[in-house]
N, C-alpha and C. Protein backbone atom coordinates (compact mmCIF):
# COMPACT_ATOMS: atom_id res chain seq x y z
N MET A 1 12.67 44.18 -57.84
CA MET A 1 13.67 44.54 -58.94
C MET A 1 14.98 43.85 -58.86
N GLN A 2 15.38 43.78 -57.74
CA GLN A 2 16.69 42.80 -57.59
C GLN A 2 16.46 41.36 -58.17
N ASP A 3 15.28 40.75 -57.63
CA ASP A 3 15.03 39.37 -58.25
C ASP A 3 14.63 39.52 -59.80
N ALA A 4 14.12 40.29 -60.09
CA ALA A 4 13.73 40.40 -61.68
C ALA A 4 15.10 40.56 -62.59
N ALA A 5 15.82 41.61 -62.22
CA ALA A 5 17.05 41.85 -62.71
C ALA A 5 17.82 40.65 -63.03
N GLY A 6 18.08 39.92 -61.86
CA GLY A 6 18.75 38.77 -61.87
C GLY A 6 18.37 37.35 -62.27
N ALA A 7 17.06 37.49 -62.72
CA ALA A 7 16.40 36.39 -63.37
C ALA A 7 17.05 35.95 -64.57
N SER A 8 16.84 34.84 -64.93
CA SER A 8 17.42 34.32 -66.35
C SER A 8 16.58 34.95 -67.61
N GLY A 9 17.16 35.64 -68.37
CA GLY A 9 16.42 36.16 -69.71
C GLY A 9 16.23 37.67 -69.47
N SER A 10 16.67 38.21 -68.29
CA SER A 10 16.38 39.56 -67.96
C SER A 10 16.75 40.49 -69.22
N PRO A 11 16.23 41.25 -69.67
CA PRO A 11 16.51 42.15 -70.81
C PRO A 11 17.58 43.25 -70.49
N ALA A 12 17.93 43.59 -69.04
CA ALA A 12 18.84 44.70 -68.70
C ALA A 12 19.40 44.25 -67.37
N ALA A 13 20.61 44.81 -67.03
CA ALA A 13 21.38 44.65 -65.64
C ALA A 13 20.42 45.67 -64.66
N ARG A 14 20.65 45.25 -63.33
CA ARG A 14 19.84 45.84 -62.27
C ARG A 14 20.46 47.33 -62.34
N GLN A 15 21.73 47.58 -62.48
CA GLN A 15 22.06 49.06 -62.51
C GLN A 15 21.51 49.78 -63.58
N THR A 16 21.26 49.21 -64.75
CA THR A 16 20.65 49.95 -65.75
C THR A 16 19.08 50.05 -65.35
N ILE A 17 18.39 49.23 -64.82
CA ILE A 17 17.12 49.48 -64.75
C ILE A 17 16.90 50.50 -63.37
N TYR A 18 17.89 50.47 -62.51
CA TYR A 18 17.82 51.53 -61.52
C TYR A 18 18.05 52.83 -62.23
N ALA A 19 18.99 52.98 -63.22
CA ALA A 19 19.27 54.15 -63.74
C ALA A 19 17.91 54.73 -64.63
N TYR A 20 17.24 53.73 -65.20
CA TYR A 20 15.90 54.39 -65.76
C TYR A 20 14.97 54.66 -64.78
N GLU A 21 14.81 54.04 -63.56
CA GLU A 21 14.00 54.33 -62.52
C GLU A 21 14.31 55.71 -62.18
N ARG A 22 15.56 56.12 -61.70
CA ARG A 22 15.89 57.47 -61.51
C ARG A 22 15.86 58.78 -62.38
N GLY A 23 15.84 58.24 -63.62
CA GLY A 23 15.68 59.24 -64.81
C GLY A 23 17.09 59.54 -65.32
N GLY A 24 17.82 58.85 -64.89
CA GLY A 24 19.45 59.07 -65.27
C GLY A 24 19.68 58.67 -66.73
N LEU A 25 18.86 57.57 -67.09
CA LEU A 25 18.88 57.20 -68.52
C LEU A 25 17.51 56.94 -69.05
N THR A 26 17.29 57.08 -70.39
CA THR A 26 16.08 56.73 -71.13
C THR A 26 16.22 55.42 -71.96
N PRO A 27 15.46 54.50 -71.71
CA PRO A 27 15.65 53.32 -72.55
C PRO A 27 15.16 53.66 -73.96
N SER A 28 15.69 52.95 -74.99
CA SER A 28 15.09 52.89 -76.23
C SER A 28 13.66 52.46 -76.28
N LEU A 29 13.08 52.84 -77.33
CA LEU A 29 11.66 52.29 -77.15
C LEU A 29 11.98 50.67 -77.42
N ARG A 30 12.81 50.35 -78.05
CA ARG A 30 13.09 48.66 -78.11
C ARG A 30 13.37 48.11 -76.74
N GLN A 31 14.15 48.86 -76.11
CA GLN A 31 14.49 48.27 -74.68
C GLN A 31 13.29 48.36 -73.85
N PHE A 32 12.60 49.77 -73.91
CA PHE A 32 11.52 49.81 -73.01
C PHE A 32 10.46 48.55 -73.28
N LEU A 33 10.30 48.27 -74.54
CA LEU A 33 9.33 47.16 -74.97
C LEU A 33 9.83 45.88 -74.43
N GLU A 34 11.04 45.53 -74.56
CA GLU A 34 11.73 44.20 -73.97
C GLU A 34 11.44 44.35 -72.57
N LEU A 35 11.79 45.18 -71.75
CA LEU A 35 11.35 45.21 -70.18
C LEU A 35 9.97 44.95 -69.99
N VAL A 36 9.16 45.60 -70.62
CA VAL A 36 7.52 45.55 -70.40
C VAL A 36 7.42 44.07 -70.81
N GLU A 37 7.66 43.36 -71.70
CA GLU A 37 7.42 42.20 -72.33
C GLU A 37 7.92 40.97 -71.07
N PHE A 38 9.23 41.44 -70.51
CA PHE A 38 9.84 40.47 -69.78
C PHE A 38 8.92 40.39 -68.45
N TYR A 39 8.71 41.72 -67.74
CA TYR A 39 7.99 41.74 -66.53
C TYR A 39 6.56 41.23 -66.72
N ALA A 40 5.81 41.52 -67.94
CA ALA A 40 4.50 41.06 -67.85
C ALA A 40 4.49 39.67 -68.22
N LEU A 41 5.31 39.12 -69.03
CA LEU A 41 5.08 37.49 -69.59
C LEU A 41 5.96 36.60 -68.72
N HIS A 42 6.82 37.25 -67.97
CA HIS A 42 7.87 36.15 -66.99
C HIS A 42 7.87 36.77 -65.58
N PRO A 43 6.87 36.82 -65.00
CA PRO A 43 6.51 37.49 -63.56
C PRO A 43 7.37 36.47 -62.56
N ILE A 44 7.97 37.19 -61.53
CA ILE A 44 8.65 36.64 -60.38
C ILE A 44 7.67 36.12 -59.48
N ASP A 45 7.53 35.01 -59.02
CA ASP A 45 6.69 34.55 -57.83
C ASP A 45 7.16 35.29 -56.73
N SER A 46 6.24 35.79 -55.94
CA SER A 46 6.25 36.42 -54.73
C SER A 46 5.23 36.58 -54.11
N ASP A 47 4.91 36.73 -52.57
CA ASP A 47 3.83 37.14 -52.05
C ASP A 47 3.38 38.34 -52.43
N GLY A 48 2.12 38.33 -52.55
CA GLY A 48 1.38 39.42 -53.11
C GLY A 48 1.45 40.09 -54.43
N ALA A 49 2.07 39.07 -55.27
CA ALA A 49 2.08 39.39 -56.77
C ALA A 49 0.87 39.65 -57.31
N LYS A 50 0.84 40.40 -58.35
CA LYS A 50 -0.19 40.68 -59.01
C LYS A 50 -0.71 39.40 -59.94
N SER A 51 -1.96 39.38 -60.38
CA SER A 51 -2.31 38.23 -61.23
C SER A 51 -1.72 38.58 -62.56
N GLN A 52 -1.78 37.55 -63.38
CA GLN A 52 -1.15 37.61 -64.91
C GLN A 52 -2.14 38.80 -65.69
N GLU A 53 -3.29 38.60 -65.26
CA GLU A 53 -4.31 39.71 -66.05
C GLU A 53 -3.84 41.04 -65.70
N ASP A 54 -3.54 41.33 -64.51
CA ASP A 54 -3.19 42.50 -63.89
C ASP A 54 -2.02 43.02 -64.71
N LEU A 55 -1.15 42.09 -64.59
CA LEU A 55 0.43 42.46 -65.08
C LEU A 55 0.20 42.80 -66.68
N ARG A 56 -0.60 41.97 -67.43
CA ARG A 56 -0.80 42.36 -68.89
C ARG A 56 -1.50 43.56 -69.03
N ALA A 57 -2.37 43.91 -68.13
CA ALA A 57 -3.19 45.19 -68.33
C ALA A 57 -2.28 46.28 -68.21
N GLN A 58 -1.45 46.24 -67.07
CA GLN A 58 -0.63 47.33 -66.81
C GLN A 58 0.48 47.56 -67.97
N ALA A 59 0.87 46.27 -68.52
CA ALA A 59 1.79 46.44 -69.47
C ALA A 59 1.28 47.06 -70.74
N VAL A 60 -0.09 46.86 -71.13
CA VAL A 60 -0.59 47.56 -72.18
C VAL A 60 -0.65 49.10 -71.92
N ALA A 61 -1.08 49.39 -70.53
CA ALA A 61 -1.25 50.86 -70.31
C ALA A 61 0.18 51.48 -70.26
N ALA A 62 1.10 50.79 -69.84
CA ALA A 62 2.74 51.40 -69.90
C ALA A 62 3.02 51.65 -71.24
N VAL A 63 2.98 50.55 -72.23
CA VAL A 63 3.17 50.78 -73.67
C VAL A 63 2.46 52.01 -74.10
N SER A 64 1.32 52.04 -73.86
CA SER A 64 0.46 53.09 -74.46
C SER A 64 0.93 54.59 -74.02
N TRP A 65 1.14 54.60 -72.59
CA TRP A 65 1.68 55.93 -72.17
C TRP A 65 2.93 56.30 -72.68
N ALA A 66 3.94 55.05 -72.85
CA ALA A 66 5.32 55.63 -73.42
C ALA A 66 5.30 56.08 -74.66
N LEU A 67 4.45 55.70 -75.49
CA LEU A 67 4.15 56.09 -77.07
C LEU A 67 3.85 57.62 -76.98
N THR A 68 3.28 58.30 -75.99
CA THR A 68 2.89 59.60 -75.87
C THR A 68 4.16 60.50 -75.50
N LEU A 69 5.12 60.00 -74.78
CA LEU A 69 6.37 60.62 -74.31
C LEU A 69 7.12 61.16 -75.43
N PRO A 70 7.65 62.56 -75.25
CA PRO A 70 8.55 63.30 -76.17
C PRO A 70 9.72 62.40 -76.63
N ALA A 71 10.27 61.55 -75.68
CA ALA A 71 11.39 60.92 -75.78
C ALA A 71 11.38 60.04 -76.95
N TYR A 72 10.21 59.52 -77.43
CA TYR A 72 10.13 58.44 -78.59
C TYR A 72 9.52 59.07 -79.82
N HIS A 73 9.33 60.23 -79.85
CA HIS A 73 8.92 61.15 -80.81
C HIS A 73 7.88 60.58 -81.94
N LEU A 74 6.96 59.79 -81.35
CA LEU A 74 5.87 59.29 -81.91
C LEU A 74 4.80 60.44 -82.70
N LYS A 75 4.62 61.44 -82.07
CA LYS A 75 4.17 62.68 -82.39
C LYS A 75 4.78 63.17 -83.67
N GLN A 76 5.82 63.36 -83.68
CA GLN A 76 6.56 63.81 -84.80
C GLN A 76 6.71 62.79 -86.02
N ALA A 77 6.61 61.71 -85.65
CA ALA A 77 6.72 60.78 -86.80
C ALA A 77 5.42 60.97 -87.51
N GLN A 78 4.31 60.94 -86.89
CA GLN A 78 2.93 60.86 -87.24
C GLN A 78 2.67 62.31 -88.21
N GLU A 79 3.34 63.54 -87.62
CA GLU A 79 3.12 64.72 -88.34
C GLU A 79 3.87 64.44 -89.56
N LEU A 80 5.12 63.95 -89.61
CA LEU A 80 5.83 63.78 -90.94
C LEU A 80 5.18 62.95 -91.85
N ILE A 81 4.54 61.83 -91.32
CA ILE A 81 3.66 60.92 -92.19
C ILE A 81 2.59 61.66 -93.01
N GLU A 82 1.80 62.67 -92.01
CA GLU A 82 1.00 63.45 -92.73
C GLU A 82 1.47 64.43 -93.81
N ARG A 83 2.50 64.99 -93.53
CA ARG A 83 3.33 65.90 -94.75
C ARG A 83 3.46 65.20 -95.91
N LEU A 84 4.13 63.96 -95.75
CA LEU A 84 4.52 63.22 -96.90
C LEU A 84 3.30 62.66 -97.61
N GLN A 85 2.27 62.62 -97.07
CA GLN A 85 1.14 61.93 -97.95
C GLN A 85 0.86 63.07 -99.03
N PRO A 86 0.63 62.31 -100.34
CA PRO A 86 0.15 62.97 -101.47
C PRO A 86 -1.04 63.54 -101.29
N PRO A 87 -1.45 64.79 -101.87
CA PRO A 87 -2.63 65.49 -101.85
C PRO A 87 -3.94 64.64 -102.44
N LEU A 88 -4.91 64.57 -101.72
CA LEU A 88 -6.19 63.67 -102.30
C LEU A 88 -6.79 64.53 -103.55
N VAL A 89 -6.98 63.63 -104.49
CA VAL A 89 -7.67 64.31 -105.64
C VAL A 89 -8.97 64.17 -105.55
N HIS A 90 -9.79 65.31 -105.59
CA HIS A 90 -11.25 65.42 -105.64
C HIS A 90 -11.99 64.75 -106.85
N GLY A 91 -13.11 64.17 -106.81
CA GLY A 91 -13.83 63.63 -108.04
C GLY A 91 -13.35 62.52 -108.77
N ARG A 92 -12.17 61.96 -108.04
CA ARG A 92 -11.77 60.55 -108.80
C ARG A 92 -12.14 59.43 -107.92
N ARG A 93 -12.65 58.36 -108.47
CA ARG A 93 -13.14 57.25 -107.81
C ARG A 93 -12.45 56.13 -108.63
N ARG A 94 -12.45 55.10 -107.97
CA ARG A 94 -12.13 53.83 -108.47
C ARG A 94 -13.23 53.26 -109.23
N SER A 95 -12.96 52.76 -110.37
CA SER A 95 -13.99 51.96 -111.10
C SER A 95 -14.30 50.49 -110.53
N LYS A 96 -15.57 50.33 -110.43
CA LYS A 96 -15.80 48.95 -109.75
C LYS A 96 -15.86 47.94 -111.17
N THR A 97 -15.18 46.87 -111.21
CA THR A 97 -15.40 45.84 -112.00
C THR A 97 -16.16 44.61 -111.73
N THR A 98 -17.07 44.16 -112.38
CA THR A 98 -17.81 43.08 -112.14
C THR A 98 -17.65 41.96 -112.95
């Protein structure tokens, strides 16, 4: 963590990342995505480091998981979209032009 937070281009300071890890702060979705992208696409070389494929797979899993968290309100956004959709009109079809 220390090496990554100190790396050029790191999207967050070390203390901020530690606060996220401890649960003292919740990053915005944008901040979370920036952190995931940084760690997955700009890995720090070290002994025992994961392969690039593994890092990318874990990044996809992390983003997928985060979108289910209540903090990011994705479920509420989807429910709102459903309520805002106009009702379907039965028996009406588009005409095909040839």
